[in-house]
Amino acid sequence: MVFKFPYKNYNAETLIRRCGYGKIVDPKTGETSYGRRIASDLYPRFHVYIKEFEKYFEVSLHLDQKQLRSEHFKAHAGEYDGAVVENEARRITEVIKNIYDMEPVIGDR
């Protein structure tokens, strides 16, 4: 699921981290993404990629059910839609909306 947010005095990483996501850097590719655990185990977890544009950023959200079994395949047990993913998208949107409605904190820009 992909959804967009305008920039309003906060950068994309600050916002997604304030939504409870931790930074993940792929050691093989150097690609940055963000994850949020659902339980104490590493999986299942929500996983997002951020794509930045001049006036807005996109959040690409999916639910990783389990770790990729083989490094030769890109496919994994991920859900890109459905009630659980939609609820998380709504939660992220609400957190960011609440941040935007508050006065900016110095240093968050």
Protein backbone atom coordinates (compact mmCIF):
# COMPACT_ATOMS: atom_id res chain seq x y z
CA MET A 1 0.00 0.00 0.00
CA VAL A 2 1.38 3.40 -0.98
CA PHE A 3 0.22 6.72 0.46
CA LYS A 4 1.59 10.29 0.42
CA PHE A 5 2.28 13.14 2.84
CA PRO A 6 3.28 16.75 2.17
CA TYR A 7 6.38 18.14 3.89
CA LYS A 8 5.47 20.44 6.80
CA ASN A 9 8.55 21.38 8.85
CA TYR A 10 9.51 17.72 9.45
CA ASN A 11 11.57 15.32 7.41
CA ALA A 12 10.21 11.91 6.38
CA GLU A 13 12.55 9.91 8.62
CA THR A 14 11.63 11.92 11.71
CA LEU A 15 7.94 11.38 11.02
CA ILE A 16 8.12 7.62 10.40
CA ARG A 17 10.31 7.14 13.48
CA ARG A 18 7.76 9.05 15.56
CA CYS A 19 5.22 6.50 14.26
CA GLY A 20 7.22 3.82 16.09
CA TYR A 21 9.39 2.58 13.22
CA GLY A 22 13.05 1.73 13.56
CA LYS A 23 15.61 2.23 10.82
CA ILE A 24 16.80 -0.82 8.87
CA VAL A 25 19.84 -0.64 6.59
CA ASP A 26 20.30 -3.65 4.31
CA PRO A 27 23.94 -4.72 4.78
CA LYS A 28 24.18 -6.02 1.21
CA THR A 29 22.59 -3.13 -0.70
CA GLY A 30 22.81 -0.21 1.75
CA GLU A 31 19.10 0.45 1.13
CA THR A 32 17.26 2.11 4.02
CA SER A 33 13.80 1.05 5.15
CA TYR A 34 11.90 1.10 8.45
CA GLY A 35 10.23 -1.62 10.49
CA ARG A 36 7.81 -1.89 13.39
CA ARG A 37 7.42 -5.14 15.27
CA ILE A 38 3.97 -6.44 16.07
CA ALA A 39 5.15 -8.81 18.81
CA SER A 40 8.43 -9.59 20.59
CA ASP A 41 9.76 -11.66 17.66
CA LEU A 42 11.28 -10.04 14.57
CA TYR A 43 8.37 -11.33 12.44
CA PRO A 44 5.64 -10.53 11.68
CA ARG A 45 6.46 -6.83 11.31
CA PHE A 46 5.28 -3.82 9.39
CA HIS A 47 7.85 -2.68 6.86
CA VAL A 48 7.98 0.65 5.03
CA TYR A 49 10.07 2.24 2.32
CA ILE A 50 10.09 6.00 1.89
CA LYS A 51 10.43 7.67 -1.48
CA GLU A 52 11.06 11.42 -1.32
CA PHE A 53 9.97 14.04 -3.82
CA GLU A 54 10.30 17.83 -3.85
CA LYS A 55 7.05 18.67 -2.03
CA TYR A 56 5.91 15.35 -0.60
CA PHE A 57 7.05 11.85 0.31
CA GLU A 58 5.50 8.45 -0.29
CA VAL A 59 5.27 5.66 2.25
CA SER A 60 5.16 2.15 0.81
CA LEU A 61 3.80 -0.15 3.53
CA HIS A 62 3.51 -3.91 3.74
CA LEU A 63 3.39 -6.61 6.41
CA ASP A 64 6.29 -9.08 6.46
CA GLN A 65 4.95 -12.39 7.77
CA LYS A 66 8.32 -14.14 7.87
CA GLN A 67 11.93 -13.71 6.86
CA LEU A 68 13.03 -14.31 3.28
CA ARG A 69 14.22 -17.91 3.02
CA SER A 70 16.62 -17.55 0.07
CA GLU A 71 18.75 -14.59 -0.96
CA HIS A 72 18.28 -15.61 -4.63
CA PHE A 73 14.61 -14.62 -4.60
CA LYS A 74 13.17 -11.16 -3.96
CA ALA A 75 9.67 -12.46 -3.14
CA HIS A 76 8.70 -12.94 0.48
CA ALA A 77 5.65 -13.65 2.57
CA GLY A 78 4.42 -10.06 2.58
CA GLU A 79 0.93 -8.63 2.58
CA TYR A 80 0.47 -5.37 0.68
CA ASP A 81 -3.24 -4.86 1.37
CA GLY A 82 -6.01 -6.15 3.61
CA ALA A 83 -7.49 -5.03 6.91
CA VAL A 84 -4.29 -5.26 8.97
CA VAL A 85 -2.25 -3.18 6.50
CA GLU A 86 -5.11 -0.69 6.04
CA ASN A 87 -5.40 -0.24 9.82
CA GLU A 88 -1.66 0.43 10.09
CA ALA A 89 -1.86 2.95 7.23
CA ARG A 90 -4.66 4.74 9.09
CA ARG A 91 -2.60 4.70 12.31
CA ILE A 92 0.46 6.19 10.56
CA THR A 93 -1.72 8.83 8.91
CA GLU A 94 -3.29 9.77 12.25
CA VAL A 95 0.09 10.04 14.01
CA ILE A 96 1.50 12.27 11.26
CA LYS A 97 -1.68 14.38 11.20
CA ASN A 98 -1.37 14.90 14.97
CA ILE A 99 2.29 15.90 14.59
CA TYR A 100 1.38 18.37 11.84
CA ASP A 101 -1.38 19.84 14.02
CA MET A 102 1.07 20.51 16.88
CA GLU A 103 3.49 23.41 16.96
CA PRO A 104 6.85 22.41 15.44
CA VAL A 105 9.54 21.57 17.95
CA ILE A 106 12.92 23.24 17.36
CA GLY A 107 15.38 20.66 16.04
CA ASP A 108 12.71 18.55 14.33
CA ARG A 109 13.04 20.33 11.02
